[in-house]
Amino acid sequence: MNFIFIGGTYRGKKLFESLLKNKYIPDYIFILKEDAHENKKYSEDIKIIANSHNIPFQIKKKLSKEDEIIFKEQKRDFAIICGWRTIINFDLNKYFKLGLLAAHDSLLPEYRGFAPINWAIINGETKTGVTLFQINNSEVDSGKILNKIEVNILPNEYAIEVYEKITNATVKIINDFIKNYINSSYTLKEQDHKNATYTCKRIPLDGLVNWHKSSKEIYNLIRALAPPYPCAYTIYEKEKYFIRKAEIGEYNDRNYIGRIIGRVINIDKFGIEILCGEGSIKITEWENQNGIENPNILIKKYSTTF
């Protein structure tokens, strides 16, 4: 069995380590090069591991036309793609027996597209998962499915906790597939395209808290965008404040018939409670745009409004 690994990020590193542990060794690796602002460079970790196993590799952000030489070298079984951020040309499928296989962070055909973990939490989903599928020449994430693994999203879990579950599920689904491939016991299944749903790419502005929404909706946004993601944020006196952690407010169930949305209704040593369009949110960890945690700013109970 010969295959290529294309990937990066924490999840790609964990998968690569697991493949080697199970003696599933790729004969070539394309390692994702991180953006300059990313502090953790998993590409360096993967590089060190690849060198220790004498596996040839390249570190880059996207595949180039020149890279096709690597794919042409021999008729490999498949390519595994995990933690890669740029589009891969479908035509590369012709160099593999089974084609290009990718792990997507949802239960396809649901949540095709960008940031599926974050969108699932924002939408209050109670489950998500990982799907291993073939990349095709049609629309995004629409190829035939090899397998799915379901992952629960608990009510108070943050994105990093769900991401860890997704990482573990990814490691399992791909190792299970390779074992089945060796035994010729895998199957391919067409997606139910009529039930497909799609997600938009998220930009920083999408993280702005709209205090007119319900406390549940705002809490879900905060959970979905918490570190290592960029964080939901609010603006007070023209300065951004990034919300790292929050909880449903102590006074969430109070019936406010004199409701001023965004008004601070309680301050204690544990946080700041703010009225929403429905219910309330208590911010327990936040930082200003300079990275100062829980900054000491002038906030008054009953008179400060976000």
Protein backbone atom coordinates (compact mmCIF):
# COMPACT_ATOMS: atom_id res chain seq x y z
CA MET A 1 0.00 0.00 0.00
CA ASN A 2 1.40 3.38 -1.06
CA PHE A 3 -0.22 6.70 -0.22
CA ILE A 4 0.46 10.41 0.13
CA PHE A 5 -0.43 12.47 3.19
CA ILE A 6 -1.48 16.11 2.65
CA GLY A 7 -2.16 18.09 5.81
CA GLY A 8 -1.22 20.09 8.83
CA THR A 9 -2.57 21.78 11.99
CA TYR A 10 -2.89 20.03 15.35
CA ARG A 11 -5.33 17.50 13.93
CA GLY A 12 -3.05 16.62 11.03
CA LYS A 13 -0.14 16.13 13.38
CA LYS A 14 -2.14 13.81 15.66
CA LEU A 15 -3.30 11.81 12.65
CA PHE A 16 0.23 11.57 11.21
CA GLU A 17 1.59 10.30 14.55
CA SER A 18 -1.18 7.71 14.74
CA LEU A 19 -0.58 6.48 11.18
CA LEU A 20 3.09 5.93 11.91
CA LYS A 21 2.28 4.16 15.18
CA ASN A 22 0.07 1.74 13.23
CA LYS A 23 2.79 1.24 10.58
CA TYR A 24 0.75 3.08 7.92
CA ILE A 25 3.63 5.08 6.53
CA PRO A 26 3.08 7.53 3.64
CA ASP A 27 5.79 7.66 1.00
CA TYR A 28 5.46 11.44 0.59
CA ILE A 29 4.03 14.32 2.64
CA PHE A 30 2.84 17.81 1.79
CA ILE A 31 2.84 19.77 5.06
CA LEU A 32 0.68 22.87 5.50
CA LYS A 33 2.62 26.09 6.03
CA GLU A 34 0.89 28.22 8.66
CA ASP A 35 0.04 31.89 8.29
CA ALA A 36 2.51 34.35 9.82
CA HIS A 37 0.18 35.30 12.71
CA GLU A 38 -0.17 31.71 13.96
CA ASN A 39 1.99 31.20 17.04
CA LYS A 40 2.06 27.41 17.03
CA LYS A 41 3.81 25.94 13.99
CA TYR A 42 2.67 22.34 13.73
CA SER A 43 4.48 22.15 10.39
CA GLU A 44 7.78 22.11 12.29
CA ASP A 45 6.60 19.22 14.48
CA ILE A 46 5.47 17.21 11.46
CA LYS A 47 8.74 17.99 9.68
CA ILE A 48 10.78 16.61 12.59
CA ILE A 49 8.68 13.43 12.68
CA ALA A 50 8.95 12.99 8.90
CA ASN A 51 12.73 13.40 9.03
CA SER A 52 12.99 10.81 11.79
CA HIS A 53 11.24 8.30 9.51
CA ASN A 54 13.08 9.34 6.34
CA ILE A 55 9.84 10.40 4.65
CA PRO A 56 10.32 13.04 1.93
CA PHE A 57 8.20 16.17 2.33
CA GLN A 58 7.49 19.74 1.30
CA ILE A 59 6.11 22.56 3.47
CA LYS A 60 3.76 24.90 1.58
CA LYS A 61 0.38 26.63 1.64
CA LYS A 62 -0.94 25.18 -1.62
CA LEU A 63 -0.04 22.61 -4.22
CA SER A 64 1.52 23.91 -7.42
CA LYS A 65 1.57 22.63 -10.99
CA GLU A 66 5.17 21.51 -10.43
CA ASP A 67 4.05 19.22 -7.60
CA GLU A 68 2.22 17.07 -10.13
CA ILE A 69 5.58 15.39 -10.81
CA ILE A 70 5.37 13.82 -7.34
CA PHE A 71 1.90 12.45 -8.06
CA LYS A 72 3.00 11.06 -11.43
CA GLU A 73 5.85 9.03 -9.95
CA GLN A 74 3.73 5.94 -9.47
CA LYS A 75 0.13 4.77 -9.25
CA ARG A 76 -0.49 5.08 -5.51
CA ASP A 77 -3.53 3.76 -3.66
CA PHE A 78 -4.89 7.07 -2.35
CA ALA A 79 -4.06 10.44 -0.80
CA ILE A 80 -5.22 11.32 2.72
CA ILE A 81 -6.06 15.02 3.26
CA CYS A 82 -6.45 16.38 6.78
CA GLY A 83 -5.90 19.93 7.99
CA TRP A 84 -5.24 21.40 4.53
CA ARG A 85 -6.71 24.85 3.80
CA THR A 86 -6.44 25.41 0.08
CA ILE A 87 -8.26 23.87 -2.86
CA ILE A 88 -6.73 20.71 -4.31
CA ASN A 89 -7.17 20.09 -8.03
CA PHE A 90 -9.62 17.25 -8.66
CA ASP A 91 -7.54 16.12 -11.65
CA LEU A 92 -4.96 14.69 -9.24
CA ASN A 93 -7.43 11.86 -8.59
CA LYS A 94 -6.23 10.15 -11.78
CA TYR A 95 -2.91 9.31 -10.14
CA PHE A 96 -4.54 7.21 -7.41
CA LYS A 97 -6.51 3.98 -7.39
CA LEU A 98 -9.09 5.32 -4.93
CA GLY A 99 -8.44 9.03 -5.36
CA LEU A 100 -8.16 11.97 -2.99
CA LEU A 101 -9.76 11.27 0.41
CA ALA A 102 -10.57 14.09 2.84
CA ALA A 103 -11.87 14.31 6.41
CA HIS A 104 -14.59 16.94 6.81
CA ASP A 105 -15.74 18.19 10.23
CA SER A 106 -19.44 17.42 9.87
CA LEU A 107 -21.90 14.65 9.10
CA LEU A 108 -22.14 15.20 5.35
CA PRO A 109 -24.21 16.22 3.48
CA GLU A 110 -24.92 18.60 6.38
CA TYR A 111 -22.64 21.58 6.96
CA ARG A 112 -20.74 21.52 3.67
CA GLY A 113 -18.24 24.36 3.47
CA PHE A 114 -16.39 26.56 5.95
CA ALA A 115 -15.93 26.32 9.74
CA PRO A 116 -18.45 23.50 10.31
CA ILE A 117 -17.51 23.00 13.98
CA ASN A 118 -18.03 26.68 14.79
CA TRP A 119 -21.29 26.91 12.85
CA ALA A 120 -22.65 23.78 14.54
CA ILE A 121 -22.08 25.29 18.00
CA ILE A 122 -23.45 28.69 16.92
CA ASN A 123 -26.60 26.95 15.69
CA GLY A 124 -27.04 25.08 18.96
CA GLU A 125 -26.52 21.63 17.48
CA THR A 126 -26.23 18.73 19.90
CA LYS A 127 -24.14 16.61 17.56
CA THR A 128 -21.67 16.88 14.73
CA GLY A 129 -19.00 14.52 13.48
CA VAL A 130 -16.40 13.58 10.90
CA THR A 131 -17.00 12.30 7.38
CA LEU A 132 -14.35 10.62 5.24
CA PHE A 133 -15.19 11.22 1.58
CA GLN A 134 -13.77 11.35 -1.93
CA ILE A 135 -12.98 14.75 -3.40
CA ASN A 136 -14.81 15.09 -6.71
CA ASN A 137 -15.16 17.64 -9.49
CA SER A 138 -18.57 18.85 -8.34
CA GLU A 139 -19.49 21.32 -5.59
CA VAL A 140 -17.66 21.51 -2.29
CA ASP A 141 -17.72 18.47 0.04
CA SER A 142 -20.13 16.52 -2.20
CA GLY A 143 -18.11 13.39 -3.01
CA LYS A 144 -18.91 9.79 -2.18
CA ILE A 145 -18.70 8.82 1.50
CA LEU A 146 -16.51 6.08 2.97
CA ASN A 147 -17.60 6.46 6.59
CA LYS A 148 -18.95 8.82 9.27
CA ILE A 149 -18.39 9.09 13.01
CA GLU A 150 -20.85 11.04 15.14
CA VAL A 151 -19.67 13.33 17.95
CA ASN A 152 -21.87 14.81 20.68
CA ILE A 153 -21.79 18.52 21.52
CA LEU A 154 -22.62 19.04 25.19
CA PRO A 155 -24.52 22.20 26.21
CA ASN A 156 -21.55 23.86 27.94
CA GLU A 157 -18.72 22.65 25.71
CA TYR A 158 -16.52 25.17 23.95
CA ALA A 159 -15.14 24.85 20.44
CA ILE A 160 -11.73 23.62 21.60
CA GLU A 161 -13.38 20.71 23.43
CA VAL A 162 -15.46 19.76 20.41
CA TYR A 163 -12.37 20.12 18.19
CA GLU A 164 -10.52 17.63 20.40
CA LYS A 165 -13.36 15.15 19.98
CA ILE A 166 -13.31 15.75 16.22
CA THR A 167 -9.54 15.17 16.19
CA ASN A 168 -9.93 11.82 17.96
CA ALA A 169 -12.75 10.84 15.61
CA THR A 170 -10.61 11.78 12.60
CA VAL A 171 -7.73 9.62 13.79
CA LYS A 172 -10.11 6.70 14.26
CA ILE A 173 -12.02 7.06 10.99
CA ILE A 174 -8.87 7.17 8.84
CA ASN A 175 -7.07 4.36 10.65
CA ASP A 176 -10.20 2.22 10.40
CA PHE A 177 -10.47 3.01 6.69
CA ILE A 178 -6.86 2.00 5.98
CA LYS A 179 -7.36 -1.27 7.83
CA ASN A 180 -10.51 -1.94 5.81
CA TYR A 181 -8.77 -0.94 2.58
CA ILE A 182 -6.02 -3.47 3.19
CA ASN A 183 -8.72 -6.10 3.73
CA SER A 184 -10.74 -4.91 0.70
CA SER A 185 -13.77 -4.35 2.93
CA TYR A 186 -14.58 -0.69 2.31
CA THR A 187 -17.63 0.73 0.50
CA LEU A 188 -18.46 4.04 -1.17
CA LYS A 189 -21.89 5.63 -0.80
CA GLU A 190 -23.39 8.55 -2.71
CA GLN A 191 -24.46 11.52 -0.58
CA ASP A 192 -28.13 12.44 -0.28
CA HIS A 193 -27.66 15.76 -2.08
CA LYS A 194 -31.23 16.97 -1.55
CA ASN A 195 -30.52 17.16 2.20
CA ALA A 196 -27.31 19.14 1.83
CA THR A 197 -26.75 22.27 3.91
CA TYR A 198 -24.00 24.86 3.48
CA THR A 199 -21.98 27.30 5.56
CA CYS A 200 -20.40 30.68 4.81
CA LYS A 201 -16.79 31.56 5.45
CA ARG A 202 -16.54 33.54 8.67
CA ILE A 203 -14.77 36.91 8.93
CA PRO A 204 -13.79 38.89 12.08
CA LEU A 205 -16.86 41.12 11.88
CA ASP A 206 -19.08 38.04 12.29
CA GLY A 207 -17.86 37.75 15.88
CA LEU A 208 -19.50 40.99 17.02
CA VAL A 209 -22.08 40.23 19.72
CA ASN A 210 -25.59 41.43 18.94
CA TRP A 211 -27.04 41.96 22.41
CA HIS A 212 -30.57 41.99 20.93
CA LYS A 213 -30.30 38.22 20.46
CA SER A 214 -31.22 35.76 23.20
CA SER A 215 -28.77 34.75 25.91
CA LYS A 216 -28.69 31.24 24.47
CA GLU A 217 -27.75 32.50 21.00
CA ILE A 218 -25.05 34.78 22.40
CA TYR A 219 -23.69 32.03 24.66
CA ASN A 220 -23.46 29.70 21.68
CA LEU A 221 -21.54 32.34 19.70
CA ILE A 222 -19.09 32.82 22.58
CA ARG A 223 -18.56 29.05 22.93
CA ALA A 224 -18.06 28.67 19.20
CA LEU A 225 -15.46 31.42 18.83
CA ALA A 226 -13.50 31.04 22.07
CA PRO A 227 -9.71 30.44 21.92
CA PRO A 228 -7.92 29.17 19.93
CA TYR A 229 -10.44 30.87 17.62
CA PRO A 230 -10.53 34.71 17.45
CA CYS A 231 -13.30 35.17 20.11
CA ALA A 232 -16.67 36.85 20.03
CA TYR A 233 -16.34 40.49 20.96
CA THR A 234 -18.28 43.53 22.10
CA ILE A 235 -17.51 47.24 21.84
CA TYR A 236 -17.48 49.68 24.73
CA GLU A 237 -16.42 53.33 24.33
CA LYS A 238 -14.99 52.54 20.86
CA GLU A 239 -12.71 49.77 22.13
CA LYS A 240 -13.09 46.06 21.39
CA TYR A 241 -13.33 43.55 24.22
CA PHE A 242 -12.90 39.88 23.35
CA ILE A 243 -14.99 37.42 25.35
CA ARG A 244 -13.06 34.29 26.24
CA LYS A 245 -15.60 32.67 28.57
CA ALA A 246 -19.15 33.29 29.69
CA GLU A 247 -22.17 31.58 31.18
CA ILE A 248 -25.91 32.04 31.22
CA GLY A 249 -26.62 34.83 33.70
CA GLU A 250 -27.82 34.39 37.25
CA TYR A 251 -30.82 36.58 36.41
CA ASN A 252 -31.48 34.95 33.04
CA ASP A 253 -35.00 33.88 34.02
CA ARG A 254 -36.09 37.20 35.51
CA ASN A 255 -39.05 38.76 33.73
CA TYR A 256 -37.73 42.20 32.78
CA ILE A 257 -40.64 44.27 31.48
CA GLY A 258 -38.38 47.32 31.72
CA ARG A 259 -35.55 45.85 29.67
CA ILE A 260 -32.62 47.88 28.33
CA ILE A 261 -30.70 45.61 26.01
CA GLY A 262 -26.95 45.58 26.69
CA ARG A 263 -27.34 47.06 30.20
CA VAL A 264 -25.07 45.77 32.97
CA ILE A 265 -27.34 44.42 35.71
CA ASN A 266 -24.82 42.81 38.05
CA ILE A 267 -21.09 42.94 38.81
CA ASP A 268 -19.29 40.66 41.23
CA LYS A 269 -15.86 39.06 41.61
CA PHE A 270 -16.86 36.37 39.12
CA GLY A 271 -17.90 38.58 36.23
CA ILE A 272 -20.21 41.07 34.55
CA GLU A 273 -23.86 40.24 33.81
CA ILE A 274 -25.48 41.89 30.81
CA LEU A 275 -29.10 41.92 29.64
CA CYS A 276 -29.78 40.41 26.22
CA GLY A 277 -32.83 40.62 23.99
CA GLU A 278 -34.02 37.66 26.03
CA GLY A 279 -32.30 36.54 29.23
CA SER A 280 -28.84 37.57 30.37
CA ILE A 281 -25.18 36.61 29.89
CA LYS A 282 -22.42 36.70 32.48
CA ILE A 283 -18.95 37.38 31.05
CA THR A 284 -16.37 35.64 33.23
CA GLU A 285 -13.19 36.04 31.14
CA TRP A 286 -12.43 38.75 28.64
CA GLU A 287 -9.54 40.82 27.32
CA ASN A 288 -9.04 44.10 25.53
CA GLN A 289 -7.59 44.48 22.07
CA ASN A 290 -4.10 44.70 23.59
CA GLY A 291 -4.46 41.27 25.14
CA ILE A 292 -4.86 42.46 28.74
CA GLU A 293 -7.10 39.95 30.53
CA ASN A 294 -10.12 41.16 32.53
CA PRO A 295 -9.09 44.81 32.08
CA ASN A 296 -10.08 47.22 34.82
CA ILE A 297 -12.38 49.67 33.05
CA LEU A 298 -15.15 51.92 34.36
CA ILE A 299 -18.26 49.76 34.35
CA LYS A 300 -21.19 50.62 36.60
CA LYS A 301 -24.08 48.38 37.51
CA TYR A 302 -27.44 49.65 36.22
CA SER A 303 -25.94 52.49 34.14
CA THR A 304 -23.35 50.97 31.79
CA THR A 305 -24.72 49.74 28.44
CA PHE A 306 -22.86 47.75 25.81
